[in-house]
Amino acid sequence: MASIQRSATSSGSEAGDPQIDERKRKRMLSNRESARRSRMRKQKQLEDLTDEVSRLQGANKKLVENIKAKEEACAETESANSILRAQTMELTERLRFLNSILEIAEEVGGLSFEIPDIPDPLLKPWQIPHPTQPIMATANMFLR
């Protein structure tokens, strides 16, 4: 009869065995601690991702501001460039006019002037007169 009682006790709820209760309690505590660590890891990961989002949004904002500043500077440079092109064309036309006066003076007065070729400033803006071809000008010769 004792063997029947043992099998009934061991196959039953096992609540009476303090060693099994201790193992269950330790497993439950271990599971709770593992779940707590998992929640903490997830919370840390969420905080890290939130921080990264904030950092990236700040960097994006700085880049957008930088792009806007560069676009404004580019627009200002293009505007100044347009003004300089217009001034270059106007000065080129004045120089052509003065050269034509020199050509007329050569024909009429029999004088000899060295008249340099005028490069097209819009086709070759980097081309400057050669040092052997000095351009003589006075401050009042461009006044109207």
C-alpha atoms as a PDB file:
ATOM      1  CA  MET A   1       0.000   0.000   0.000  1.00  0.00           C
ATOM      2  CA  ALA A   2       2.875   2.334   0.580  1.00  0.00           C
ATOM      3  CA  SER A   3       3.931   2.002  -3.013  1.00  0.00           C
ATOM      4  CA  ILE A   4       0.484   3.063  -4.140  1.00  0.00           C
ATOM      5  CA  GLN A   5       0.611   6.151  -2.008  1.00  0.00           C
ATOM      6  CA  ARG A   6       4.021   7.120  -3.363  1.00  0.00           C
ATOM      7  CA  SER A   7       2.924   6.845  -6.951  1.00  0.00           C
ATOM      8  CA  ALA A   8      -0.204   8.836  -6.256  1.00  0.00           C
ATOM      9  CA  THR A   9       1.811  11.544  -4.567  1.00  0.00           C
ATOM     10  CA  SER A  10       4.465  11.703  -7.248  1.00  0.00           C
ATOM     11  CA  SER A  11       1.995  11.662 -10.107  1.00  0.00           C
ATOM     12  CA  GLY A  12      -0.376  14.080  -8.421  1.00  0.00           C
ATOM     13  CA  SER A  13      -0.016  17.812  -8.004  1.00  0.00           C
ATOM     14  CA  GLU A  14       3.461  17.448  -6.558  1.00  0.00           C
ATOM     15  CA  ALA A  15       2.587  20.405  -4.326  1.00  0.00           C
ATOM     16  CA  GLY A  16       3.630  18.495  -1.321  1.00  0.00           C
ATOM     17  CA  ASP A  17       7.285  18.076  -2.413  1.00  0.00           C
ATOM     18  CA  PRO A  18       9.307  21.088  -1.166  1.00  0.00           C
ATOM     19  CA  GLN A  19      12.189  20.383  -3.601  1.00  0.00           C
ATOM     20  CA  ILE A  20       9.881  20.660  -6.629  1.00  0.00           C
ATOM     21  CA  ASP A  21       8.236  23.787  -5.242  1.00  0.00           C
ATOM     22  CA  GLU A  22      11.674  25.346  -4.811  1.00  0.00           C
ATOM     23  CA  ARG A  23      12.606  24.485  -8.430  1.00  0.00           C
ATOM     24  CA  LYS A  24       9.337  25.992  -9.702  1.00  0.00           C
ATOM     25  CA  ARG A  25       9.875  29.113  -7.625  1.00  0.00           C
ATOM     26  CA  LYS A  26      13.470  29.461  -8.901  1.00  0.00           C
ATOM     27  CA  ARG A  27      12.325  28.917 -12.507  1.00  0.00           C
ATOM     28  CA  MET A  28       9.566  31.509 -12.092  1.00  0.00           C
ATOM     29  CA  LEU A  29      12.047  34.012 -10.626  1.00  0.00           C
ATOM     30  CA  SER A  30      14.517  33.241 -13.395  1.00  0.00           C
ATOM     31  CA  ASN A  31      11.803  33.714 -16.026  1.00  0.00           C
ATOM     32  CA  ARG A  32      10.699  36.990 -14.439  1.00  0.00           C
ATOM     33  CA  GLU A  33      14.299  38.238 -14.334  1.00  0.00           C
ATOM     34  CA  SER A  34      14.820  37.191 -17.956  1.00  0.00           C
ATOM     35  CA  ALA A  35      11.595  38.968 -18.982  1.00  0.00           C
ATOM     36  CA  ARG A  36      12.699  42.076 -17.038  1.00  0.00           C
ATOM     37  CA  ARG A  37      16.102  42.061 -18.781  1.00  0.00           C
ATOM     38  CA  SER A  38      14.378  41.595 -22.138  1.00  0.00           C
ATOM     39  CA  ARG A  39      12.063  44.561 -21.442  1.00  0.00           C
ATOM     40  CA  MET A  40      15.068  46.640 -20.377  1.00  0.00           C
ATOM     41  CA  ARG A  41      16.937  45.708 -23.572  1.00  0.00           C
ATOM     42  CA  LYS A  42      13.928  46.647 -25.673  1.00  0.00           C
ATOM     43  CA  GLN A  43      13.532  49.926 -23.762  1.00  0.00           C
ATOM     44  CA  LYS A  44      17.246  50.707 -24.234  1.00  0.00           C
ATOM     45  CA  GLN A  45      17.004  49.849 -27.917  1.00  0.00           C
ATOM     46  CA  LEU A  46      13.957  52.114 -28.265  1.00  0.00           C
ATOM     47  CA  GLU A  47      15.789  54.956 -26.486  1.00  0.00           C
ATOM     48  CA  ASP A  48      18.849  54.450 -28.688  1.00  0.00           C
ATOM     49  CA  LEU A  49      16.712  54.513 -31.831  1.00  0.00           C
ATOM     50  CA  THR A  50      14.865  57.613 -30.600  1.00  0.00           C
ATOM     51  CA  ASP A  51      18.193  59.333 -29.931  1.00  0.00           C
ATOM     52  CA  GLU A  52      19.423  58.345 -33.380  1.00  0.00           C
ATOM     53  CA  VAL A  53      16.251  59.704 -34.985  1.00  0.00           C
ATOM     54  CA  SER A  54      16.746  63.006 -33.145  1.00  0.00           C
ATOM     55  CA  ARG A  55      20.400  63.153 -34.151  1.00  0.00           C
ATOM     56  CA  LEU A  56      19.606  62.362 -37.792  1.00  0.00           C
ATOM     57  CA  GLN A  57      16.776  64.919 -37.872  1.00  0.00           C
ATOM     58  CA  GLY A  58      19.187  67.542 -36.525  1.00  0.00           C
ATOM     59  CA  ALA A  59      21.808  66.608 -39.097  1.00  0.00           C
ATOM     60  CA  ASN A  60      19.165  66.691 -41.840  1.00  0.00           C
ATOM     61  CA  LYS A  61      18.030  70.140 -40.701  1.00  0.00           C
ATOM     62  CA  LYS A  62      21.620  71.409 -40.824  1.00  0.00           C
ATOM     63  CA  LEU A  63      22.067  69.939 -44.312  1.00  0.00           C
ATOM     64  CA  VAL A  64      18.851  71.562 -45.540  1.00  0.00           C
ATOM     65  CA  GLU A  65      19.986  74.921 -44.108  1.00  0.00           C
ATOM     66  CA  ASN A  66      23.409  74.453 -45.699  1.00  0.00           C
ATOM     67  CA  ILE A  67      21.848  73.636 -49.073  1.00  0.00           C
ATOM     68  CA  LYS A  68      19.586  76.672 -48.822  1.00  0.00           C
ATOM     69  CA  ALA A  69      22.551  78.924 -47.993  1.00  0.00           C
ATOM     70  CA  LYS A  70      24.541  77.475 -50.921  1.00  0.00           C
ATOM     71  CA  GLU A  71      21.590  77.975 -53.285  1.00  0.00           C
ATOM     72  CA  GLU A  72      21.276  81.609 -52.150  1.00  0.00           C
ATOM     73  CA  ALA A  73      25.014  82.147 -52.596  1.00  0.00           C
ATOM     74  CA  CYS A  74      24.827  80.529 -56.036  1.00  0.00           C
ATOM     75  CA  ALA A  75      21.920  82.797 -57.030  1.00  0.00           C
ATOM     76  CA  GLU A  76      23.874  85.847 -55.835  1.00  0.00           C
ATOM     77  CA  THR A  77      26.945  84.711 -57.760  1.00  0.00           C
ATOM     78  CA  GLU A  78      24.895  84.124 -60.906  1.00  0.00           C
ATOM     79  CA  SER A  79      23.374  87.580 -60.534  1.00  0.00           C
ATOM     80  CA  ALA A  80      26.792  89.183 -60.090  1.00  0.00           C
ATOM     81  CA  ASN A  81      28.075  87.138 -63.036  1.00  0.00           C
ATOM     82  CA  SER A  82      25.225  88.398 -65.215  1.00  0.00           C
ATOM     83  CA  ILE A  83      26.049  91.975 -64.262  1.00  0.00           C
ATOM     84  CA  LEU A  84      29.729  91.410 -65.048  1.00  0.00           C
ATOM     85  CA  ARG A  85      28.846  89.862 -68.417  1.00  0.00           C
ATOM     86  CA  ALA A  86      26.677  92.846 -69.284  1.00  0.00           C
ATOM     87  CA  GLN A  87      29.452  95.231 -68.235  1.00  0.00           C
ATOM     88  CA  THR A  88      31.981  93.225 -70.252  1.00  0.00           C
ATOM     89  CA  MET A  89      29.785  93.417 -73.335  1.00  0.00           C
ATOM     90  CA  GLU A  90      29.290  97.142 -72.844  1.00  0.00           C
ATOM     91  CA  LEU A  91      33.030  97.743 -72.415  1.00  0.00           C
ATOM     92  CA  THR A  92      33.762  95.555 -75.450  1.00  0.00           C
ATOM     93  CA  GLU A  93      31.386  97.631 -77.533  1.00  0.00           C
ATOM     94  CA  ARG A  94      32.993 100.837 -76.277  1.00  0.00           C
ATOM     95  CA  LEU A  95      36.428  99.429 -77.138  1.00  0.00           C
ATOM     96  CA  ARG A  96      35.224  98.497 -80.630  1.00  0.00           C
ATOM     97  CA  PHE A  97      33.865 102.010 -81.033  1.00  0.00           C
ATOM     98  CA  LEU A  98      37.186 103.521 -79.924  1.00  0.00           C
ATOM     99  CA  ASN A  99      39.076 101.190 -82.255  1.00  0.00           C
ATOM    100  CA  SER A 100      36.865 102.296 -85.115  1.00  0.00           C
ATOM    101  CA  ILE A 101      37.747 105.911 -84.272  1.00  0.00           C
ATOM    102  CA  LEU A 102      41.433 104.964 -84.346  1.00  0.00           C
ATOM    103  CA  GLU A 103      40.947 103.279 -87.724  1.00  0.00           C
ATOM    104  CA  ILE A 104      39.279 106.409 -89.082  1.00  0.00           C
ATOM    105  CA  ALA A 105      42.133 108.515 -87.662  1.00  0.00           C
ATOM    106  CA  GLU A 106      44.613 106.223 -89.446  1.00  0.00           C
ATOM    107  CA  GLU A 107      42.806 106.615 -92.753  1.00  0.00           C
ATOM    108  CA  VAL A 108      42.151 110.328 -92.528  1.00  0.00           C
ATOM    109  CA  GLY A 109      45.213 111.557 -90.696  1.00  0.00           C
ATOM    110  CA  GLY A 110      47.734 109.118 -92.034  1.00  0.00           C
ATOM    111  CA  LEU A 111      48.695 108.163 -88.483  1.00  0.00           C
ATOM    112  CA  SER A 112      49.682 104.621 -87.585  1.00  0.00           C
ATOM    113  CA  PHE A 113      48.200 102.932 -84.511  1.00  0.00           C
ATOM    114  CA  GLU A 114      48.554  99.399 -83.289  1.00  0.00           C
ATOM    115  CA  ILE A 115      44.991  98.210 -82.799  1.00  0.00           C
ATOM    116  CA  PRO A 116      44.755  94.852 -81.044  1.00  0.00           C
ATOM    117  CA  ASP A 117      42.113  92.293 -81.902  1.00  0.00           C
ATOM    118  CA  ILE A 118      39.235  92.201 -79.459  1.00  0.00           C
ATOM    119  CA  PRO A 119      38.396  88.679 -78.307  1.00  0.00           C
ATOM    120  CA  ASP A 120      34.752  87.795 -77.890  1.00  0.00           C
ATOM    121  CA  PRO A 121      34.353  87.962 -74.081  1.00  0.00           C
ATOM    122  CA  LEU A 122      31.412  85.581 -74.031  1.00  0.00           C
ATOM    123  CA  LEU A 123      33.032  82.891 -76.169  1.00  0.00           C
ATOM    124  CA  LYS A 124      36.479  83.070 -74.542  1.00  0.00           C
ATOM    125  CA  PRO A 125      36.124  84.942 -71.238  1.00  0.00           C
ATOM    126  CA  TRP A 126      39.471  83.635 -69.963  1.00  0.00           C
ATOM    127  CA  GLN A 127      41.371  85.055 -72.942  1.00  0.00           C
ATOM    128  CA  ILE A 128      43.149  88.237 -72.001  1.00  0.00           C
ATOM    129  CA  PRO A 129      45.289  90.390 -74.282  1.00  0.00           C
ATOM    130  CA  HIS A 130      48.877  89.262 -74.669  1.00  0.00           C
ATOM    131  CA  PRO A 131      51.446  91.430 -72.809  1.00  0.00           C
ATOM    132  CA  THR A 132      52.871  92.553 -76.159  1.00  0.00           C
ATOM    133  CA  GLN A 133      49.485  94.081 -76.936  1.00  0.00           C
ATOM    134  CA  PRO A 134      49.014  96.735 -74.245  1.00  0.00           C
ATOM    135  CA  ILE A 135      45.640  98.367 -73.962  1.00  0.00           C
ATOM    136  CA  MET A 136      46.006 102.044 -73.339  1.00  0.00           C
ATOM    137  CA  ALA A 137      43.117 103.705 -71.581  1.00  0.00           C
ATOM    138  CA  THR A 138      42.413 106.753 -69.483  1.00  0.00           C
ATOM    139  CA  ALA A 139      39.829 107.137 -66.755  1.00  0.00           C
ATOM    140  CA  ASN A 140      37.667 109.569 -68.732  1.00  0.00           C
ATOM    141  CA  MET A 141      37.670 107.701 -72.035  1.00  0.00           C
ATOM    142  CA  PHE A 142      34.741 105.492 -70.899  1.00  0.00           C
ATOM    143  CA  LEU A 143      32.555 108.303 -69.680  1.00  0.00           C
ATOM    144  CA  ARG A 144      29.575 109.213 -71.782  1.00  0.00           C
END
